Amino acid sequence: MSGWKVELTRPAQRDLRRLDPQIERRVRAALGRLQQEPLAGDVRKLAGQTDEWRLRVGDWRVRFTRDTEHKLISVIRILPRGRAYRD
């Protein structure tokens, strides 16, 4: 499976800009792997959510949705573990 498109929402873009450069590189690399294989890495479906997933990158969590029909991954937020699941 390849050719998935990864889009970041405005809050996710802001989250990414605020990361330390080293963590930002790790998150970008993880998103690149996710683009090649949507379930690559430490990916889990969130309980109680219709189609929301999370990717673990160290102490950071990338929350996203997948549209399998359009091969689109939409990143919702990039947050530290302690804040990632609060609504």
N, C-alpha and C. Protein backbone atom coordinates (compact mmCIF):
# COMPACT_ATOMS: atom_id res chain seq x y z
N MET A 1 0.83 -1.17 0.00
CA MET A 1 0.00 0.00 0.00
C MET A 1 0.89 1.25 0.00
N SER A 2 0.67 2.13 -0.94
CA SER A 2 1.43 3.38 -0.95
C SER A 2 0.57 4.45 -1.59
N GLY A 3 1.07 5.67 -1.56
CA GLY A 3 0.37 6.76 -2.19
C GLY A 3 -0.68 7.43 -1.33
N TRP A 4 -0.64 7.20 -0.03
CA TRP A 4 -1.57 7.90 0.85
C TRP A 4 -1.14 9.35 0.98
N LYS A 5 -2.09 10.24 1.09
CA LYS A 5 -1.81 11.65 1.28
C LYS A 5 -2.03 11.99 2.76
N VAL A 6 -1.10 12.74 3.34
CA VAL A 6 -1.22 13.17 4.73
C VAL A 6 -1.48 14.66 4.75
N GLU A 7 -2.59 15.05 5.36
CA GLU A 7 -2.94 16.47 5.51
C GLU A 7 -2.98 16.81 6.99
N LEU A 8 -2.47 17.97 7.33
CA LEU A 8 -2.49 18.44 8.71
C LEU A 8 -3.54 19.54 8.84
N THR A 9 -4.40 19.42 9.85
CA THR A 9 -5.35 20.49 10.14
C THR A 9 -4.57 21.70 10.66
N ARG A 10 -5.22 22.83 10.74
CA ARG A 10 -4.54 24.03 11.27
C ARG A 10 -4.01 23.81 12.69
N PRO A 11 -4.81 23.20 13.60
CA PRO A 11 -4.25 22.95 14.93
C PRO A 11 -3.04 22.02 14.90
N ALA A 12 -3.05 21.02 14.01
CA ALA A 12 -1.91 20.10 13.90
C ALA A 12 -0.68 20.83 13.35
N GLN A 13 -0.89 21.73 12.38
CA GLN A 13 0.23 22.52 11.85
C GLN A 13 0.84 23.37 12.96
N ARG A 14 -0.01 23.97 13.77
CA ARG A 14 0.46 24.79 14.89
C ARG A 14 1.22 23.93 15.90
N ASP A 15 0.67 22.74 16.21
CA ASP A 15 1.34 21.82 17.13
C ASP A 15 2.73 21.47 16.62
N LEU A 16 2.84 21.17 15.33
CA LEU A 16 4.11 20.77 14.74
C LEU A 16 5.14 21.90 14.81
N ARG A 17 4.70 23.13 14.53
CA ARG A 17 5.62 24.28 14.59
C ARG A 17 6.15 24.52 15.99
N ARG A 18 5.38 24.17 17.00
CA ARG A 18 5.76 24.43 18.39
C ARG A 18 6.69 23.37 18.98
N LEU A 19 6.90 22.28 18.26
CA LEU A 19 7.75 21.21 18.78
C LEU A 19 9.23 21.60 18.74
N ASP A 20 10.01 20.98 19.63
CA ASP A 20 11.46 21.13 19.56
C ASP A 20 11.90 20.53 18.22
N PRO A 21 12.98 21.08 17.62
CA PRO A 21 13.41 20.59 16.30
C PRO A 21 13.65 19.08 16.24
N GLN A 22 14.23 18.50 17.28
CA GLN A 22 14.50 17.06 17.27
C GLN A 22 13.20 16.26 17.26
N ILE A 23 12.23 16.67 18.06
CA ILE A 23 10.95 15.97 18.12
C ILE A 23 10.19 16.19 16.81
N GLU A 24 10.28 17.40 16.27
CA GLU A 24 9.62 17.68 14.99
C GLU A 24 10.15 16.75 13.90
N ARG A 25 11.45 16.53 13.85
CA ARG A 25 12.02 15.61 12.86
C ARG A 25 11.49 14.19 13.04
N ARG A 26 11.39 13.75 14.30
CA ARG A 26 10.87 12.40 14.57
C ARG A 26 9.41 12.27 14.14
N VAL A 27 8.61 13.30 14.42
CA VAL A 27 7.20 13.27 14.04
C VAL A 27 7.06 13.29 12.52
N ARG A 28 7.85 14.13 11.84
CA ARG A 28 7.79 14.19 10.37
C ARG A 28 8.19 12.84 9.76
N ALA A 29 9.22 12.21 10.33
CA ALA A 29 9.65 10.89 9.83
C ALA A 29 8.53 9.86 10.04
N ALA A 30 7.88 9.91 11.19
CA ALA A 30 6.78 8.98 11.47
C ALA A 30 5.62 9.22 10.51
N LEU A 31 5.33 10.48 10.19
CA LEU A 31 4.26 10.79 9.24
C LEU A 31 4.63 10.30 7.84
N GLY A 32 5.91 10.37 7.48
CA GLY A 32 6.36 9.85 6.20
C GLY A 32 6.15 8.34 6.11
N ARG A 33 6.46 7.64 7.19
CA ARG A 33 6.22 6.19 7.22
C ARG A 33 4.73 5.89 7.16
N LEU A 34 3.94 6.70 7.84
CA LEU A 34 2.49 6.54 7.84
C LEU A 34 1.93 6.74 6.43
N GLN A 35 2.54 7.64 5.68
CA GLN A 35 2.11 7.91 4.31
C GLN A 35 2.34 6.68 3.42
N GLN A 36 3.42 5.96 3.67
CA GLN A 36 3.71 4.75 2.89
C GLN A 36 2.85 3.57 3.32
N GLU A 37 2.64 3.43 4.62
CA GLU A 37 1.85 2.32 5.17
C GLU A 37 1.02 2.88 6.33
N PRO A 38 -0.30 3.08 6.14
CA PRO A 38 -1.14 3.77 7.12
C PRO A 38 -1.21 3.15 8.51
N LEU A 39 -0.82 1.91 8.66
CA LEU A 39 -0.83 1.31 9.99
C LEU A 39 0.57 0.98 10.46
N ALA A 40 1.57 1.66 9.88
CA ALA A 40 2.96 1.42 10.26
C ALA A 40 3.26 2.07 11.61
N GLY A 41 4.13 1.44 12.37
CA GLY A 41 4.51 2.00 13.67
C GLY A 41 3.50 1.62 14.74
N ASP A 42 3.53 2.36 15.81
CA ASP A 42 2.65 2.09 16.95
C ASP A 42 1.34 2.84 16.73
N VAL A 43 0.47 2.25 15.91
CA VAL A 43 -0.82 2.85 15.56
C VAL A 43 -1.93 2.04 16.20
N ARG A 44 -2.87 2.73 16.82
CA ARG A 44 -4.02 2.06 17.43
C ARG A 44 -5.28 2.88 17.19
N LYS A 45 -6.38 2.17 17.05
CA LYS A 45 -7.67 2.84 16.92
C LYS A 45 -8.09 3.28 18.32
N LEU A 46 -8.59 4.49 18.43
CA LEU A 46 -9.02 5.00 19.73
C LEU A 46 -10.38 4.43 20.10
N ALA A 47 -10.50 3.99 21.32
CA ALA A 47 -11.76 3.42 21.81
C ALA A 47 -12.81 4.51 21.89
N GLY A 48 -14.01 4.17 21.50
CA GLY A 48 -15.11 5.12 21.59
C GLY A 48 -15.17 6.11 20.46
N GLN A 49 -14.21 6.07 19.56
CA GLN A 49 -14.20 6.99 18.42
C GLN A 49 -14.62 6.24 17.17
N THR A 50 -15.31 6.91 16.27
CA THR A 50 -15.78 6.23 15.07
C THR A 50 -14.61 5.83 14.17
N ASP A 51 -13.78 6.76 13.80
CA ASP A 51 -12.65 6.43 12.93
C ASP A 51 -11.44 7.28 13.29
N GLU A 52 -11.15 7.36 14.57
CA GLU A 52 -9.99 8.14 14.99
C GLU A 52 -8.90 7.20 15.48
N TRP A 53 -7.68 7.50 15.07
CA TRP A 53 -6.52 6.67 15.37
C TRP A 53 -5.46 7.51 16.05
N ARG A 54 -4.48 6.84 16.65
CA ARG A 54 -3.35 7.57 17.21
C ARG A 54 -2.06 6.85 16.83
N LEU A 55 -1.04 7.65 16.60
CA LEU A 55 0.31 7.17 16.32
C LEU A 55 1.19 7.63 17.46
N ARG A 56 1.89 6.71 18.09
CA ARG A 56 2.78 7.06 19.20
C ARG A 56 4.17 7.36 18.65
N VAL A 57 4.70 8.53 19.01
CA VAL A 57 6.06 8.92 18.66
C VAL A 57 6.72 9.34 19.98
N GLY A 58 7.33 8.38 20.66
CA GLY A 58 7.90 8.64 21.98
C GLY A 58 6.80 9.04 22.94
N ASP A 59 6.96 10.20 23.58
CA ASP A 59 5.94 10.70 24.52
C ASP A 59 4.87 11.54 23.83
N TRP A 60 4.92 11.61 22.52
CA TRP A 60 3.97 12.41 21.75
C TRP A 60 2.97 11.51 21.05
N ARG A 61 1.76 12.05 20.84
CA ARG A 61 0.70 11.31 20.16
C ARG A 61 0.21 12.12 18.98
N VAL A 62 0.11 11.45 17.84
CA VAL A 62 -0.43 12.05 16.62
C VAL A 62 -1.82 11.46 16.44
N ARG A 63 -2.84 12.29 16.58
CA ARG A 63 -4.23 11.82 16.40
C ARG A 63 -4.64 12.10 14.97
N PHE A 64 -5.26 11.09 14.33
CA PHE A 64 -5.62 11.26 12.92
C PHE A 64 -6.83 10.41 12.56
N THR A 65 -7.42 10.74 11.41
CA THR A 65 -8.48 9.93 10.82
C THR A 65 -7.98 9.42 9.48
N ARG A 66 -8.59 8.31 9.02
CA ARG A 66 -8.22 7.73 7.73
C ARG A 66 -9.43 7.66 6.83
N ASP A 67 -9.26 8.05 5.58
CA ASP A 67 -10.30 7.91 4.56
C ASP A 67 -9.74 6.92 3.54
N THR A 68 -10.14 5.65 3.69
CA THR A 68 -9.57 4.61 2.83
C THR A 68 -10.00 4.76 1.37
N GLU A 69 -11.17 5.31 1.14
CA GLU A 69 -11.65 5.48 -0.24
C GLU A 69 -10.76 6.46 -1.01
N HIS A 70 -10.37 7.56 -0.35
CA HIS A 70 -9.54 8.58 -1.01
C HIS A 70 -8.07 8.48 -0.64
N LYS A 71 -7.72 7.47 0.17
CA LYS A 71 -6.34 7.29 0.65
C LYS A 71 -5.82 8.59 1.26
N LEU A 72 -6.57 9.09 2.24
CA LEU A 72 -6.25 10.35 2.89
C LEU A 72 -6.15 10.15 4.40
N ILE A 73 -5.06 10.64 4.96
CA ILE A 73 -4.87 10.65 6.40
C ILE A 73 -4.92 12.11 6.83
N SER A 74 -5.84 12.42 7.73
CA SER A 74 -6.00 13.79 8.20
C SER A 74 -5.54 13.87 9.65
N VAL A 75 -4.42 14.55 9.88
CA VAL A 75 -3.86 14.68 11.23
C VAL A 75 -4.63 15.77 11.96
N ILE A 76 -5.19 15.39 13.11
CA ILE A 76 -6.03 16.31 13.88
C ILE A 76 -5.19 17.12 14.86
N ARG A 77 -4.36 16.44 15.65
CA ARG A 77 -3.52 17.10 16.65
C ARG A 77 -2.24 16.32 16.85
N ILE A 78 -1.21 17.00 17.34
CA ILE A 78 0.06 16.40 17.75
C ILE A 78 0.32 16.94 19.16
N LEU A 79 0.13 16.07 20.16
CA LEU A 79 0.17 16.52 21.54
C LEU A 79 0.98 15.56 22.41
N PRO A 80 1.45 16.06 23.56
CA PRO A 80 2.11 15.15 24.50
C PRO A 80 1.09 14.14 25.05
N ARG A 81 1.58 13.01 25.46
CA ARG A 81 0.71 11.92 25.90
C ARG A 81 -0.33 12.37 26.92
N GLY A 82 0.04 13.17 27.88
CA GLY A 82 -0.87 13.59 28.93
C GLY A 82 -2.04 14.43 28.46
N ARG A 83 -1.88 15.14 27.35
CA ARG A 83 -2.93 16.03 26.83
C ARG A 83 -3.64 15.48 25.62
N ALA A 84 -3.14 14.41 25.05
CA ALA A 84 -3.61 13.96 23.73
C ALA A 84 -5.05 13.46 23.73
N TYR A 85 -5.55 12.98 24.86
CA TYR A 85 -6.87 12.36 24.84
C TYR A 85 -7.94 13.17 25.56
N ARG A 86 -7.61 14.38 25.97
CA ARG A 86 -8.61 15.25 26.61
C ARG A 86 -9.43 15.95 25.54
N ASP A 87 -10.69 16.06 25.76
CA ASP A 87 -11.56 16.80 24.82
C ASP A 87 -12.19 17.98 25.46
